Amino acid sequence: MLRGLPKQKPITGVKQVIVVASGKGGVGKSTTAVNLALGLMAIDQSKSVGLLDADVYGPSIPKLMNLKGHPELSDDNRMIPLINYGVPW
């Protein structure tokens, strides 16, 4: 069996992905991700920008993005993201 990274699978409708990661906590990954998303929106508002937080221990994106509540589900059982500053999360 081969080891290593899994094969990349394309995400429908997504052209580019920027990953913010670190092996250490408390270094500003969420702050950097939010600033990148908002900065990209400011540069070109015709482009779609989204933000995904995979932090299961302490999701700080809702606080940084001033989001309240929980995402709802659509009729086909897909999550409808919360949106603030024009960026869905």
N, C-alpha and C. Protein backbone atom coordinates (compact mmCIF):
# COMPACT_ATOMS: atom_id res chain seq x y z
N MET A 1 0.85 -1.17 0.00
CA MET A 1 0.00 0.00 0.00
C MET A 1 0.90 1.24 0.00
N LEU A 2 0.58 2.19 -0.84
CA LEU A 2 1.34 3.43 -0.92
C LEU A 2 1.01 4.36 0.23
N ARG A 3 2.01 5.07 0.69
CA ARG A 3 1.79 6.04 1.75
C ARG A 3 1.99 7.44 1.17
N GLY A 4 1.52 8.42 1.90
CA GLY A 4 1.68 9.80 1.45
C GLY A 4 0.35 10.52 1.44
N LEU A 5 0.33 11.61 0.75
CA LEU A 5 -0.89 12.42 0.68
C LEU A 5 -1.94 11.75 -0.19
N PRO A 6 -3.21 11.93 0.14
CA PRO A 6 -4.26 11.38 -0.72
C PRO A 6 -4.30 12.13 -2.05
N LYS A 7 -4.88 11.50 -3.05
CA LYS A 7 -5.02 12.13 -4.37
C LYS A 7 -5.92 13.36 -4.25
N GLN A 8 -5.57 14.39 -4.99
CA GLN A 8 -6.40 15.60 -4.99
C GLN A 8 -7.68 15.33 -5.78
N LYS A 9 -8.79 15.78 -5.23
CA LYS A 9 -10.07 15.67 -5.91
C LYS A 9 -10.57 17.09 -6.15
N PRO A 10 -10.99 17.40 -7.35
CA PRO A 10 -11.47 18.76 -7.61
C PRO A 10 -12.78 19.04 -6.86
N ILE A 11 -12.95 20.28 -6.46
CA ILE A 11 -14.17 20.72 -5.80
C ILE A 11 -14.97 21.49 -6.84
N THR A 12 -16.17 21.03 -7.11
CA THR A 12 -17.00 21.65 -8.14
C THR A 12 -17.19 23.14 -7.87
N GLY A 13 -16.89 23.95 -8.86
CA GLY A 13 -17.08 25.40 -8.75
C GLY A 13 -15.95 26.15 -8.07
N VAL A 14 -14.92 25.43 -7.61
CA VAL A 14 -13.80 26.08 -6.92
C VAL A 14 -12.59 26.05 -7.85
N LYS A 15 -12.04 27.25 -8.12
CA LYS A 15 -10.87 27.33 -9.01
C LYS A 15 -9.57 27.33 -8.22
N GLN A 16 -9.53 28.03 -7.10
CA GLN A 16 -8.30 28.14 -6.33
C GLN A 16 -8.59 27.97 -4.84
N VAL A 17 -7.64 27.35 -4.14
CA VAL A 17 -7.75 27.14 -2.70
C VAL A 17 -6.49 27.67 -2.05
N ILE A 18 -6.64 28.44 -0.99
CA ILE A 18 -5.51 28.91 -0.20
C ILE A 18 -5.65 28.28 1.18
N VAL A 19 -4.61 27.59 1.63
CA VAL A 19 -4.64 26.92 2.93
C VAL A 19 -3.74 27.69 3.90
N VAL A 20 -4.28 27.97 5.08
CA VAL A 20 -3.50 28.59 6.15
C VAL A 20 -3.36 27.53 7.24
N ALA A 21 -2.13 27.10 7.49
CA ALA A 21 -1.91 26.00 8.44
C ALA A 21 -0.64 26.21 9.24
N SER A 22 -0.58 25.58 10.40
CA SER A 22 0.60 25.60 11.24
C SER A 22 0.51 24.42 12.19
N GLY A 23 1.65 23.93 12.62
CA GLY A 23 1.67 22.83 13.58
C GLY A 23 1.52 23.30 15.01
N LYS A 24 1.47 24.60 15.22
CA LYS A 24 1.39 25.16 16.56
C LYS A 24 0.11 25.98 16.69
N GLY A 25 -0.46 25.97 17.86
CA GLY A 25 -1.65 26.77 18.10
C GLY A 25 -1.31 28.18 18.54
N GLY A 26 -2.26 29.07 18.37
CA GLY A 26 -2.12 30.43 18.87
C GLY A 26 -1.19 31.31 18.07
N VAL A 27 -0.99 30.98 16.80
CA VAL A 27 -0.07 31.78 15.99
C VAL A 27 -0.79 32.72 15.02
N GLY A 28 -2.11 32.73 15.03
CA GLY A 28 -2.86 33.66 14.20
C GLY A 28 -3.36 33.09 12.88
N LYS A 29 -3.57 31.78 12.82
CA LYS A 29 -4.06 31.17 11.58
C LYS A 29 -5.44 31.69 11.21
N SER A 30 -6.35 31.73 12.16
CA SER A 30 -7.71 32.19 11.88
C SER A 30 -7.72 33.66 11.51
N THR A 31 -6.95 34.47 12.21
CA THR A 31 -6.87 35.90 11.90
C THR A 31 -6.31 36.10 10.50
N THR A 32 -5.29 35.34 10.15
CA THR A 32 -4.70 35.45 8.81
C THR A 32 -5.71 35.02 7.75
N ALA A 33 -6.44 33.93 8.00
CA ALA A 33 -7.43 33.44 7.03
C ALA A 33 -8.54 34.47 6.81
N VAL A 34 -9.03 35.07 7.89
CA VAL A 34 -10.08 36.09 7.77
C VAL A 34 -9.55 37.30 7.00
N ASN A 35 -8.35 37.75 7.34
CA ASN A 35 -7.78 38.90 6.64
C ASN A 35 -7.54 38.61 5.16
N LEU A 36 -7.11 37.40 4.83
CA LEU A 36 -6.95 37.02 3.43
C LEU A 36 -8.29 37.05 2.69
N ALA A 37 -9.32 36.46 3.30
CA ALA A 37 -10.64 36.43 2.66
C ALA A 37 -11.18 37.84 2.44
N LEU A 38 -11.10 38.69 3.46
CA LEU A 38 -11.61 40.05 3.33
C LEU A 38 -10.76 40.87 2.36
N GLY A 39 -9.45 40.63 2.36
CA GLY A 39 -8.58 41.33 1.43
C GLY A 39 -8.85 40.95 -0.01
N LEU A 40 -9.07 39.66 -0.25
CA LEU A 40 -9.41 39.21 -1.60
C LEU A 40 -10.75 39.78 -2.07
N MET A 41 -11.70 39.88 -1.15
CA MET A 41 -13.00 40.50 -1.49
C MET A 41 -12.82 41.97 -1.83
N ALA A 42 -11.95 42.66 -1.11
CA ALA A 42 -11.74 44.09 -1.34
C ALA A 42 -11.06 44.35 -2.68
N ILE A 43 -10.18 43.43 -3.09
CA ILE A 43 -9.47 43.60 -4.36
C ILE A 43 -10.41 43.46 -5.54
N ASP A 44 -11.26 42.43 -5.52
CA ASP A 44 -12.14 42.16 -6.67
C ASP A 44 -13.46 41.58 -6.17
N GLN A 45 -14.47 42.43 -6.06
CA GLN A 45 -15.76 41.98 -5.52
C GLN A 45 -16.55 41.14 -6.51
N SER A 46 -16.09 41.05 -7.77
CA SER A 46 -16.78 40.19 -8.73
C SER A 46 -16.44 38.72 -8.52
N LYS A 47 -15.39 38.45 -7.77
CA LYS A 47 -14.99 37.06 -7.47
C LYS A 47 -15.70 36.58 -6.21
N SER A 48 -15.94 35.29 -6.15
CA SER A 48 -16.54 34.69 -4.95
C SER A 48 -15.43 34.23 -4.02
N VAL A 49 -15.57 34.55 -2.74
CA VAL A 49 -14.60 34.14 -1.73
C VAL A 49 -15.36 33.45 -0.61
N GLY A 50 -14.86 32.33 -0.16
CA GLY A 50 -15.47 31.61 0.95
C GLY A 50 -14.42 31.30 1.99
N LEU A 51 -14.88 30.98 3.19
CA LEU A 51 -13.97 30.71 4.31
C LEU A 51 -14.44 29.43 4.99
N LEU A 52 -13.53 28.46 5.15
CA LEU A 52 -13.85 27.20 5.80
C LEU A 52 -12.91 27.02 6.98
N ASP A 53 -13.46 26.80 8.16
CA ASP A 53 -12.67 26.62 9.37
C ASP A 53 -12.79 25.17 9.81
N ALA A 54 -11.66 24.47 9.82
CA ALA A 54 -11.67 23.07 10.23
C ALA A 54 -11.16 22.90 11.66
N ASP A 55 -11.17 23.97 12.44
CA ASP A 55 -10.70 23.94 13.82
C ASP A 55 -11.81 23.38 14.71
N VAL A 56 -11.64 22.13 15.14
CA VAL A 56 -12.69 21.49 15.94
C VAL A 56 -12.57 21.82 17.43
N TYR A 57 -11.43 22.31 17.86
CA TYR A 57 -11.23 22.58 19.29
C TYR A 57 -11.67 23.97 19.71
N GLY A 58 -11.47 24.95 18.87
CA GLY A 58 -11.82 26.31 19.27
C GLY A 58 -12.10 27.18 18.07
N PRO A 59 -13.24 26.97 17.41
CA PRO A 59 -13.52 27.77 16.22
C PRO A 59 -13.64 29.26 16.55
N SER A 60 -12.71 30.05 16.09
CA SER A 60 -12.72 31.48 16.38
C SER A 60 -13.24 32.31 15.20
N ILE A 61 -13.48 31.69 14.06
CA ILE A 61 -13.96 32.42 12.89
C ILE A 61 -15.29 33.13 13.17
N PRO A 62 -16.26 32.50 13.85
CA PRO A 62 -17.51 33.23 14.12
C PRO A 62 -17.27 34.52 14.90
N LYS A 63 -16.34 34.50 15.85
CA LYS A 63 -16.06 35.72 16.61
C LYS A 63 -15.38 36.76 15.73
N LEU A 64 -14.39 36.33 14.94
CA LEU A 64 -13.67 37.26 14.07
C LEU A 64 -14.57 37.84 12.97
N MET A 65 -15.52 37.04 12.50
CA MET A 65 -16.42 37.49 11.43
C MET A 65 -17.72 38.08 11.96
N ASN A 66 -17.86 38.18 13.28
CA ASN A 66 -19.07 38.73 13.91
C ASN A 66 -20.33 37.98 13.45
N LEU A 67 -20.26 36.64 13.53
CA LEU A 67 -21.37 35.79 13.12
C LEU A 67 -22.11 35.27 14.34
N LYS A 68 -23.42 35.19 14.23
CA LYS A 68 -24.27 34.68 15.30
C LYS A 68 -25.19 33.61 14.72
N GLY A 69 -25.51 32.62 15.52
CA GLY A 69 -26.45 31.60 15.08
C GLY A 69 -25.77 30.39 14.50
N HIS A 70 -26.56 29.50 13.90
CA HIS A 70 -26.07 28.25 13.33
C HIS A 70 -26.50 28.18 11.87
N PRO A 71 -25.68 27.56 11.03
CA PRO A 71 -26.07 27.39 9.63
C PRO A 71 -27.33 26.53 9.53
N GLU A 72 -28.14 26.81 8.52
CA GLU A 72 -29.35 26.02 8.27
C GLU A 72 -29.09 25.04 7.15
N LEU A 73 -30.01 24.11 6.94
CA LEU A 73 -29.89 23.14 5.87
C LEU A 73 -30.90 23.45 4.78
N SER A 74 -30.49 23.26 3.52
CA SER A 74 -31.39 23.46 2.39
C SER A 74 -32.27 22.22 2.24
N ASP A 75 -33.19 22.28 1.28
CA ASP A 75 -34.11 21.16 1.06
C ASP A 75 -33.36 19.89 0.65
N ASP A 76 -32.21 20.04 -0.03
CA ASP A 76 -31.45 18.87 -0.43
C ASP A 76 -30.35 18.52 0.59
N ASN A 77 -30.55 18.97 1.83
CA ASN A 77 -29.70 18.62 2.97
C ASN A 77 -28.27 19.15 2.86
N ARG A 78 -28.12 20.32 2.24
CA ARG A 78 -26.81 20.98 2.17
C ARG A 78 -26.80 22.16 3.13
N MET A 79 -25.64 22.40 3.72
CA MET A 79 -25.51 23.49 4.67
C MET A 79 -25.54 24.83 3.96
N ILE A 80 -26.34 25.75 4.47
CA ILE A 80 -26.38 27.12 3.97
C ILE A 80 -25.48 27.93 4.89
N PRO A 81 -24.36 28.44 4.36
CA PRO A 81 -23.39 29.11 5.24
C PRO A 81 -23.90 30.46 5.77
N LEU A 82 -23.38 30.82 6.93
CA LEU A 82 -23.63 32.16 7.45
C LEU A 82 -22.74 33.12 6.66
N ILE A 83 -23.23 34.33 6.42
CA ILE A 83 -22.48 35.29 5.61
C ILE A 83 -22.37 36.62 6.35
N ASN A 84 -21.18 37.18 6.36
CA ASN A 84 -20.96 38.53 6.87
C ASN A 84 -19.81 39.14 6.09
N TYR A 85 -19.85 40.42 5.89
CA TYR A 85 -18.84 41.14 5.11
C TYR A 85 -18.74 40.59 3.69
N GLY A 86 -19.79 39.93 3.21
CA GLY A 86 -19.80 39.36 1.87
C GLY A 86 -19.08 38.03 1.75
N VAL A 87 -18.62 37.47 2.87
CA VAL A 87 -17.87 36.21 2.85
C VAL A 87 -18.68 35.12 3.55
N PRO A 88 -19.04 34.04 2.82
CA PRO A 88 -19.74 32.93 3.49
C PRO A 88 -18.79 32.09 4.32
N TRP A 89 -19.29 31.62 5.46
CA TRP A 89 -18.50 30.73 6.33
C TRP A 89 -19.31 29.51 6.65
